[in-house]
Amino acid sequence: MPKPLRRLLHWYFWLKRGMTLGVRGAVLRDEREVLLVRHTYTPGWHLPGGGVETGETLLEALAKELREEALVRPTAVPLLHGVFFNRAVSRRDHVAVFVVRDFVLDGAKQPDREIAEARFFALDALPETITAGTRRRLEEITSGRAPPTDW
């Protein structure tokens, strides 16, 4: 393919929908409960998280999103569970999922306006309206199974 055409196509796809990266945190309390959030703009319960901004590391983005959406502050470095192709369920191309076991809650503040509700659920009594991707990631994390490696 000629270089000018390649460049033109690159700019077209970049403007059409730039590559993005998101983060999600599986916040586990005592290995029996998980924190889920319900957004005001989309149905179902999700792992808290959001987009990674330019110049931000994955861990910085995770800490920011957990603080804004669920009033959670990790107190130890979260464990990376995996990076998943995610375009089918969100506008993010790839999402990095972390497991957060050590954290504190900040009850003095209010979550972001985009959050309708944030609460802990027992792992054996998850809500029926949990998203399929969230359910799949939680099953992998709690069973000790490795995430799929096929892309």
N, C-alpha and C. Protein backbone atom coordinates (compact mmCIF):
# COMPACT_ATOMS: atom_id res chain seq x y z
N MET A 1 0.85 -1.17 0.00
CA MET A 1 0.00 0.00 0.00
C MET A 1 0.90 1.24 0.00
N PRO A 2 0.64 2.20 -0.84
CA PRO A 2 1.45 3.41 -0.90
C PRO A 2 1.39 4.19 0.43
N LYS A 3 2.51 4.79 0.78
CA LYS A 3 2.62 5.50 2.05
C LYS A 3 1.57 6.60 2.22
N PRO A 4 1.30 7.43 1.20
CA PRO A 4 0.27 8.47 1.38
C PRO A 4 -1.12 7.88 1.69
N LEU A 5 -1.45 6.77 1.05
CA LEU A 5 -2.74 6.14 1.31
C LEU A 5 -2.79 5.58 2.73
N ARG A 6 -1.69 4.96 3.15
CA ARG A 6 -1.60 4.43 4.52
C ARG A 6 -1.79 5.55 5.53
N ARG A 7 -1.14 6.67 5.30
CA ARG A 7 -1.23 7.82 6.21
C ARG A 7 -2.66 8.35 6.26
N LEU A 8 -3.29 8.46 5.09
CA LEU A 8 -4.67 8.94 5.02
C LEU A 8 -5.60 8.00 5.78
N LEU A 9 -5.44 6.70 5.58
CA LEU A 9 -6.28 5.73 6.29
C LEU A 9 -6.03 5.78 7.80
N HIS A 10 -4.78 5.95 8.18
CA HIS A 10 -4.47 6.06 9.61
C HIS A 10 -5.23 7.23 10.23
N TRP A 11 -5.16 8.39 9.59
CA TRP A 11 -5.86 9.57 10.12
C TRP A 11 -7.37 9.37 10.11
N TYR A 12 -7.90 8.74 9.08
CA TYR A 12 -9.34 8.49 9.00
C TYR A 12 -9.79 7.64 10.20
N PHE A 13 -9.11 6.52 10.44
CA PHE A 13 -9.51 5.65 11.55
C PHE A 13 -9.25 6.30 12.90
N TRP A 14 -8.18 7.07 13.00
CA TRP A 14 -7.89 7.75 14.26
C TRP A 14 -8.99 8.77 14.57
N LEU A 15 -9.44 9.52 13.57
CA LEU A 15 -10.51 10.50 13.79
C LEU A 15 -11.87 9.83 13.97
N LYS A 16 -12.07 8.73 13.28
CA LYS A 16 -13.35 8.01 13.37
C LYS A 16 -13.55 7.45 14.78
N ARG A 17 -12.55 6.81 15.30
CA ARG A 17 -12.63 6.25 16.67
C ARG A 17 -11.23 5.92 17.11
N GLY A 18 -10.64 6.80 17.89
CA GLY A 18 -9.28 6.58 18.37
C GLY A 18 -9.18 5.39 19.31
N MET A 19 -8.02 4.76 19.35
CA MET A 19 -7.80 3.64 20.26
C MET A 19 -7.86 4.15 21.69
N THR A 20 -8.53 3.42 22.53
CA THR A 20 -8.68 3.83 23.92
C THR A 20 -8.36 2.66 24.84
N LEU A 21 -8.11 3.00 26.08
CA LEU A 21 -7.79 2.01 27.10
C LEU A 21 -8.58 2.35 28.35
N GLY A 22 -9.16 1.35 28.96
CA GLY A 22 -9.91 1.53 30.19
C GLY A 22 -9.35 0.65 31.30
N VAL A 23 -9.78 0.93 32.52
CA VAL A 23 -9.40 0.13 33.68
C VAL A 23 -10.66 -0.22 34.46
N ARG A 24 -10.63 -1.37 35.12
CA ARG A 24 -11.70 -1.80 36.02
C ARG A 24 -11.04 -2.39 37.25
N GLY A 25 -11.70 -2.25 38.38
CA GLY A 25 -11.18 -2.80 39.62
C GLY A 25 -12.16 -3.76 40.27
N ALA A 26 -11.74 -5.00 40.49
CA ALA A 26 -12.53 -5.96 41.25
C ALA A 26 -12.13 -5.77 42.71
N VAL A 27 -12.91 -4.97 43.43
CA VAL A 27 -12.61 -4.64 44.83
C VAL A 27 -13.25 -5.73 45.69
N LEU A 28 -12.40 -6.57 46.29
CA LEU A 28 -12.88 -7.71 47.09
C LEU A 28 -12.71 -7.43 48.57
N ARG A 29 -13.77 -7.65 49.33
CA ARG A 29 -13.72 -7.49 50.78
C ARG A 29 -13.80 -8.88 51.41
N ASP A 30 -12.76 -9.23 52.14
CA ASP A 30 -12.67 -10.52 52.85
C ASP A 30 -12.88 -11.72 51.93
N GLU A 31 -12.57 -11.56 50.64
CA GLU A 31 -12.70 -12.64 49.65
C GLU A 31 -14.13 -13.20 49.57
N ARG A 32 -15.10 -12.49 50.16
CA ARG A 32 -16.49 -12.96 50.13
C ARG A 32 -17.43 -11.97 49.44
N GLU A 33 -16.98 -10.72 49.29
CA GLU A 33 -17.84 -9.69 48.72
C GLU A 33 -17.08 -8.90 47.66
N VAL A 34 -17.82 -8.38 46.69
CA VAL A 34 -17.23 -7.56 45.64
C VAL A 34 -18.03 -6.26 45.53
N LEU A 35 -17.33 -5.20 45.26
CA LEU A 35 -17.96 -3.89 45.08
C LEU A 35 -18.38 -3.72 43.62
N LEU A 36 -19.65 -3.41 43.41
CA LEU A 36 -20.17 -3.16 42.07
C LEU A 36 -20.83 -1.79 42.03
N VAL A 37 -20.86 -1.19 40.85
CA VAL A 37 -21.49 0.11 40.68
C VAL A 37 -22.56 0.02 39.59
N ARG A 38 -23.55 0.87 39.74
CA ARG A 38 -24.60 0.99 38.73
C ARG A 38 -24.57 2.43 38.24
N HIS A 39 -24.33 2.60 36.94
CA HIS A 39 -24.24 3.94 36.35
C HIS A 39 -25.63 4.49 36.04
N THR A 40 -25.72 5.80 35.94
CA THR A 40 -26.99 6.45 35.62
C THR A 40 -27.33 6.33 34.13
N TYR A 41 -26.34 6.07 33.30
CA TYR A 41 -26.53 6.12 31.85
C TYR A 41 -26.55 4.77 31.16
N THR A 42 -26.37 3.68 31.89
CA THR A 42 -26.38 2.36 31.27
C THR A 42 -26.92 1.34 32.28
N PRO A 43 -27.65 0.33 31.83
CA PRO A 43 -28.22 -0.65 32.77
C PRO A 43 -27.18 -1.64 33.29
N GLY A 44 -27.51 -2.25 34.39
CA GLY A 44 -26.70 -3.32 34.95
C GLY A 44 -25.66 -2.86 35.95
N TRP A 45 -25.10 -3.83 36.65
CA TRP A 45 -24.04 -3.61 37.64
C TRP A 45 -22.70 -3.93 37.00
N HIS A 46 -21.70 -3.13 37.31
CA HIS A 46 -20.38 -3.25 36.70
C HIS A 46 -19.30 -3.17 37.78
N LEU A 47 -18.10 -3.62 37.41
CA LEU A 47 -16.93 -3.32 38.22
C LEU A 47 -16.64 -1.83 38.05
N PRO A 48 -16.26 -1.14 39.12
CA PRO A 48 -15.95 0.29 38.97
C PRO A 48 -14.72 0.49 38.10
N GLY A 49 -14.73 1.58 37.36
CA GLY A 49 -13.59 1.90 36.51
C GLY A 49 -13.96 2.92 35.47
N GLY A 50 -13.04 3.15 34.55
CA GLY A 50 -13.27 4.14 33.50
C GLY A 50 -12.08 4.22 32.58
N GLY A 51 -11.95 5.34 31.92
CA GLY A 51 -10.93 5.52 30.90
C GLY A 51 -9.59 5.98 31.45
N VAL A 52 -8.55 5.65 30.70
CA VAL A 52 -7.19 6.09 31.01
C VAL A 52 -6.94 7.34 30.17
N GLU A 53 -6.60 8.44 30.82
CA GLU A 53 -6.34 9.70 30.12
C GLU A 53 -4.91 9.73 29.60
N THR A 54 -4.66 10.58 28.65
CA THR A 54 -3.32 10.76 28.09
C THR A 54 -2.35 11.17 29.20
N GLY A 55 -1.22 10.50 29.28
CA GLY A 55 -0.21 10.80 30.29
C GLY A 55 -0.45 10.14 31.63
N GLU A 56 -1.49 9.36 31.77
CA GLU A 56 -1.85 8.71 33.02
C GLU A 56 -1.45 7.24 32.96
N THR A 57 -0.91 6.70 34.04
CA THR A 57 -0.60 5.27 34.08
C THR A 57 -1.88 4.50 34.40
N LEU A 58 -1.83 3.19 34.19
CA LEU A 58 -2.98 2.36 34.51
C LEU A 58 -3.34 2.45 35.99
N LEU A 59 -2.32 2.41 36.85
CA LEU A 59 -2.59 2.46 38.29
C LEU A 59 -3.12 3.82 38.72
N GLU A 60 -2.64 4.89 38.10
CA GLU A 60 -3.18 6.23 38.41
C GLU A 60 -4.64 6.32 37.98
N ALA A 61 -4.94 5.80 36.80
CA ALA A 61 -6.33 5.83 36.31
C ALA A 61 -7.23 4.99 37.20
N LEU A 62 -6.75 3.81 37.62
CA LEU A 62 -7.55 2.96 38.49
C LEU A 62 -7.83 3.66 39.81
N ALA A 63 -6.81 4.24 40.43
CA ALA A 63 -6.99 4.94 41.71
C ALA A 63 -7.99 6.09 41.55
N LYS A 64 -7.88 6.85 40.45
CA LYS A 64 -8.79 7.97 40.21
C LYS A 64 -10.23 7.48 40.05
N GLU A 65 -10.43 6.45 39.23
CA GLU A 65 -11.78 5.95 38.97
C GLU A 65 -12.40 5.31 40.21
N LEU A 66 -11.62 4.57 40.98
CA LEU A 66 -12.15 3.97 42.21
C LEU A 66 -12.56 5.05 43.20
N ARG A 67 -11.76 6.10 43.29
CA ARG A 67 -12.07 7.21 44.19
C ARG A 67 -13.34 7.93 43.74
N GLU A 68 -13.45 8.22 42.45
CA GLU A 68 -14.59 8.97 41.94
C GLU A 68 -15.88 8.17 41.95
N GLU A 69 -15.82 6.90 41.57
CA GLU A 69 -17.03 6.10 41.41
C GLU A 69 -17.46 5.39 42.68
N ALA A 70 -16.51 4.97 43.50
CA ALA A 70 -16.87 4.10 44.63
C ALA A 70 -16.28 4.55 45.96
N LEU A 71 -15.58 5.69 45.98
CA LEU A 71 -15.00 6.22 47.23
C LEU A 71 -14.03 5.22 47.86
N VAL A 72 -13.27 4.53 47.03
CA VAL A 72 -12.30 3.52 47.47
C VAL A 72 -10.90 4.02 47.17
N ARG A 73 -10.00 3.82 48.14
CA ARG A 73 -8.59 4.15 47.94
C ARG A 73 -7.76 2.90 48.20
N PRO A 74 -7.11 2.35 47.16
CA PRO A 74 -6.24 1.18 47.38
C PRO A 74 -5.09 1.54 48.32
N THR A 75 -4.75 0.62 49.22
CA THR A 75 -3.64 0.85 50.14
C THR A 75 -2.43 -0.02 49.81
N ALA A 76 -2.56 -0.85 48.80
CA ALA A 76 -1.45 -1.67 48.30
C ALA A 76 -1.58 -1.73 46.78
N VAL A 77 -0.52 -2.12 46.12
CA VAL A 77 -0.55 -2.19 44.66
C VAL A 77 -1.51 -3.31 44.25
N PRO A 78 -2.54 -2.97 43.45
CA PRO A 78 -3.48 -3.99 42.98
C PRO A 78 -2.81 -4.99 42.04
N LEU A 79 -3.35 -6.18 41.98
CA LEU A 79 -2.84 -7.24 41.11
C LEU A 79 -3.52 -7.14 39.74
N LEU A 80 -2.73 -7.13 38.67
CA LEU A 80 -3.29 -7.11 37.32
C LEU A 80 -3.84 -8.50 37.00
N HIS A 81 -5.13 -8.57 36.74
CA HIS A 81 -5.75 -9.85 36.38
C HIS A 81 -5.57 -10.13 34.89
N GLY A 82 -5.70 -9.09 34.07
CA GLY A 82 -5.53 -9.28 32.63
C GLY A 82 -5.97 -8.05 31.86
N VAL A 83 -5.65 -8.06 30.57
CA VAL A 83 -6.07 -7.00 29.66
C VAL A 83 -6.95 -7.67 28.61
N PHE A 84 -8.13 -7.11 28.39
CA PHE A 84 -9.13 -7.77 27.56
C PHE A 84 -9.63 -6.85 26.46
N PHE A 85 -9.85 -7.44 25.28
CA PHE A 85 -10.46 -6.72 24.17
C PHE A 85 -11.91 -6.50 24.56
N ASN A 86 -12.40 -5.27 24.47
CA ASN A 86 -13.66 -4.95 25.11
C ASN A 86 -14.61 -4.15 24.25
N ARG A 87 -14.35 -3.97 22.98
CA ARG A 87 -15.16 -3.08 22.16
C ARG A 87 -16.63 -3.49 22.11
N ALA A 88 -16.93 -4.76 22.28
CA ALA A 88 -18.31 -5.22 22.19
C ALA A 88 -19.18 -4.71 23.33
N VAL A 89 -18.58 -4.41 24.48
CA VAL A 89 -19.39 -3.99 25.63
C VAL A 89 -19.16 -2.56 26.06
N SER A 90 -18.23 -1.87 25.46
CA SER A 90 -18.03 -0.46 25.78
C SER A 90 -17.31 0.21 24.62
N ARG A 91 -17.07 1.51 24.77
CA ARG A 91 -16.35 2.22 23.72
C ARG A 91 -14.85 2.09 23.90
N ARG A 92 -14.40 1.40 24.91
CA ARG A 92 -12.97 1.19 25.13
C ARG A 92 -12.51 0.00 24.29
N ASP A 93 -11.35 0.12 23.66
CA ASP A 93 -10.83 -0.99 22.87
C ASP A 93 -10.31 -2.11 23.75
N HIS A 94 -9.57 -1.75 24.79
CA HIS A 94 -9.02 -2.73 25.71
C HIS A 94 -9.24 -2.24 27.13
N VAL A 95 -9.48 -3.19 28.03
CA VAL A 95 -9.69 -2.86 29.43
C VAL A 95 -8.75 -3.72 30.28
N ALA A 96 -8.01 -3.05 31.16
CA ALA A 96 -7.14 -3.74 32.11
C ALA A 96 -7.94 -3.94 33.39
N VAL A 97 -8.03 -5.18 33.85
CA VAL A 97 -8.79 -5.50 35.07
C VAL A 97 -7.81 -5.81 36.18
N PHE A 98 -7.97 -5.12 37.31
CA PHE A 98 -7.12 -5.30 38.48
C PHE A 98 -7.94 -5.88 39.62
N VAL A 99 -7.27 -6.62 40.51
CA VAL A 99 -7.88 -7.14 41.72
C VAL A 99 -7.38 -6.29 42.89
N VAL A 100 -8.32 -5.69 43.61
CA VAL A 100 -7.99 -4.80 44.73
C VAL A 100 -8.47 -5.48 46.01
N ARG A 101 -7.52 -5.88 46.84
CA ARG A 101 -7.86 -6.55 48.10
C ARG A 101 -7.60 -5.67 49.33
N ASP A 102 -6.66 -4.75 49.21
CA ASP A 102 -6.30 -3.86 50.33
C ASP A 102 -6.75 -2.45 49.99
N PHE A 103 -7.69 -1.92 50.76
CA PHE A 103 -8.25 -0.61 50.46
C PHE A 103 -8.91 -0.02 51.71
N VAL A 104 -9.21 1.27 51.61
CA VAL A 104 -10.02 1.95 52.64
C VAL A 104 -11.16 2.65 51.92
N LEU A 105 -12.28 2.80 52.63
CA LEU A 105 -13.44 3.50 52.10
C LEU A 105 -13.48 4.91 52.65
N ASP A 106 -13.85 5.86 51.81
CA ASP A 106 -13.98 7.25 52.23
C ASP A 106 -15.46 7.60 52.26
N GLY A 107 -16.10 7.39 53.38
CA GLY A 107 -17.54 7.64 53.52
C GLY A 107 -17.90 9.10 53.67
N ALA A 108 -16.92 9.98 53.78
CA ALA A 108 -17.21 11.40 53.99
C ALA A 108 -17.57 12.11 52.69
N LYS A 109 -17.34 11.50 51.56
CA LYS A 109 -17.60 12.14 50.27
C LYS A 109 -18.76 11.46 49.57
N GLN A 110 -19.14 12.02 48.45
CA GLN A 110 -20.20 11.46 47.61
C GLN A 110 -19.58 10.96 46.31
N PRO A 111 -20.09 9.85 45.77
CA PRO A 111 -19.57 9.37 44.47
C PRO A 111 -19.93 10.34 43.36
N ASP A 112 -19.30 10.16 42.23
CA ASP A 112 -19.54 10.95 41.03
C ASP A 112 -21.03 10.93 40.66
N ARG A 113 -21.50 11.97 39.99
CA ARG A 113 -22.92 12.06 39.59
C ARG A 113 -23.33 10.95 38.64
N GLU A 114 -22.37 10.37 37.92
CA GLU A 114 -22.71 9.30 36.97
C GLU A 114 -23.03 7.98 37.65
N ILE A 115 -22.80 7.90 38.95
CA ILE A 115 -23.04 6.66 39.70
C ILE A 115 -24.39 6.72 40.41
N ALA A 116 -25.29 5.80 40.04
CA ALA A 116 -26.59 5.73 40.68
C ALA A 116 -26.47 5.03 42.04
N GLU A 117 -25.58 4.04 42.11
CA GLU A 117 -25.43 3.27 43.35
C GLU A 117 -24.12 2.51 43.32
N ALA A 118 -23.48 2.38 44.46
CA ALA A 118 -22.27 1.56 44.63
C ALA A 118 -22.44 0.78 45.92
N ARG A 119 -22.27 -0.53 45.84
CA ARG A 119 -22.40 -1.34 47.05
C ARG A 119 -21.72 -2.69 46.90
N PHE A 120 -21.46 -3.31 48.05
CA PHE A 120 -20.86 -4.63 48.08
C PHE A 120 -21.94 -5.69 47.97
N PHE A 121 -21.63 -6.73 47.20
CA PHE A 121 -22.50 -7.89 47.06
C PHE A 121 -21.72 -9.14 47.45
N ALA A 122 -22.40 -10.09 48.09
CA ALA A 122 -21.78 -11.39 48.36
C ALA A 122 -21.49 -12.06 47.02
N LEU A 123 -20.33 -12.67 46.90
CA LEU A 123 -19.96 -13.32 45.64
C LEU A 123 -20.91 -14.45 45.26
N ASP A 124 -21.56 -15.06 46.26
CA ASP A 124 -22.50 -16.14 45.95
C ASP A 124 -23.94 -15.63 45.81
N ALA A 125 -24.13 -14.30 45.81
CA ALA A 125 -25.46 -13.72 45.65
C ALA A 125 -25.38 -12.43 44.83
N LEU A 126 -24.78 -12.53 43.65
CA LEU A 126 -24.63 -11.37 42.78
C LEU A 126 -25.99 -10.98 42.18
N PRO A 127 -26.19 -9.72 41.87
CA PRO A 127 -27.47 -9.30 41.29
C PRO A 127 -27.70 -9.92 39.92
N GLU A 128 -28.96 -10.11 39.57
CA GLU A 128 -29.29 -10.68 38.26
C GLU A 128 -28.89 -9.77 37.12
N THR A 129 -28.84 -8.47 37.38
CA THR A 129 -28.55 -7.50 36.32
C THR A 129 -27.07 -7.19 36.19
N ILE A 130 -26.21 -8.06 36.69
CA ILE A 130 -24.77 -7.89 36.51
C ILE A 130 -24.45 -8.11 35.03
N THR A 131 -23.52 -7.34 34.49
CA THR A 131 -23.18 -7.50 33.07
C THR A 131 -22.42 -8.81 32.85
N ALA A 132 -22.51 -9.33 31.65
CA ALA A 132 -21.87 -10.61 31.32
C ALA A 132 -20.35 -10.52 31.49
N GLY A 133 -19.75 -9.43 31.06
CA GLY A 133 -18.30 -9.28 31.20
C GLY A 133 -17.87 -9.24 32.65
N THR A 134 -18.63 -8.55 33.49
CA THR A 134 -18.32 -8.48 34.92
C THR A 134 -18.44 -9.86 35.55
N ARG A 135 -19.49 -10.58 35.22
CA ARG A 135 -19.68 -11.94 35.75
C ARG A 135 -18.51 -12.84 35.35
N ARG A 136 -18.12 -12.77 34.08
CA ARG A 136 -17.02 -13.61 33.57
C ARG A 136 -15.72 -13.29 34.30
N ARG A 137 -15.39 -12.02 34.45
CA ARG A 137 -14.15 -11.64 35.14
C ARG A 137 -14.18 -12.09 36.60
N LEU A 138 -15.31 -11.94 37.28
CA LEU A 138 -15.40 -12.37 38.69
C LEU A 138 -15.26 -13.88 38.83
N GLU A 139 -15.84 -14.63 37.90
CA GLU A 139 -15.69 -16.10 37.94
C GLU A 139 -14.23 -16.49 37.78
N GLU A 140 -13.52 -15.83 36.87
CA GLU A 140 -12.09 -16.12 36.68
C GLU A 140 -11.31 -15.80 37.95
N ILE A 141 -11.57 -14.63 38.53
CA ILE A 141 -10.81 -14.18 39.70
C ILE A 141 -11.07 -15.07 40.91
N THR A 142 -12.34 -15.39 41.17
CA THR A 142 -12.65 -16.16 42.38
C THR A 142 -12.34 -17.64 42.25
N SER A 143 -12.30 -18.15 41.02
CA SER A 143 -11.99 -19.57 40.84
C SER A 143 -10.48 -19.82 40.74
N GLY A 144 -9.72 -18.73 40.55
CA GLY A 144 -8.28 -18.89 40.40
C GLY A 144 -7.89 -19.24 38.98
N ARG A 145 -8.87 -19.34 38.06
CA ARG A 145 -8.55 -19.62 36.66
C ARG A 145 -7.87 -18.43 36.04
N ALA A 146 -6.95 -18.72 35.19
CA ALA A 146 -6.28 -17.66 34.44
C ALA A 146 -7.23 -17.12 33.39
N PRO A 147 -7.14 -15.85 33.06
CA PRO A 147 -7.98 -15.31 32.00
C PRO A 147 -7.60 -15.93 30.66
N PRO A 148 -8.51 -15.89 29.70
CA PRO A 148 -8.16 -16.45 28.37
C PRO A 148 -7.03 -15.66 27.75
N THR A 149 -6.18 -16.36 27.01
CA THR A 149 -5.04 -15.68 26.38
C THR A 149 -5.25 -15.49 24.89
N ASP A 150 -6.33 -16.07 24.36
CA ASP A 150 -6.56 -15.90 22.92
C ASP A 150 -7.20 -14.53 22.66
N TRP A 151 -6.74 -13.89 21.62
CA TRP A 151 -7.25 -12.57 21.27
C TRP A 151 -8.19 -12.73 20.12
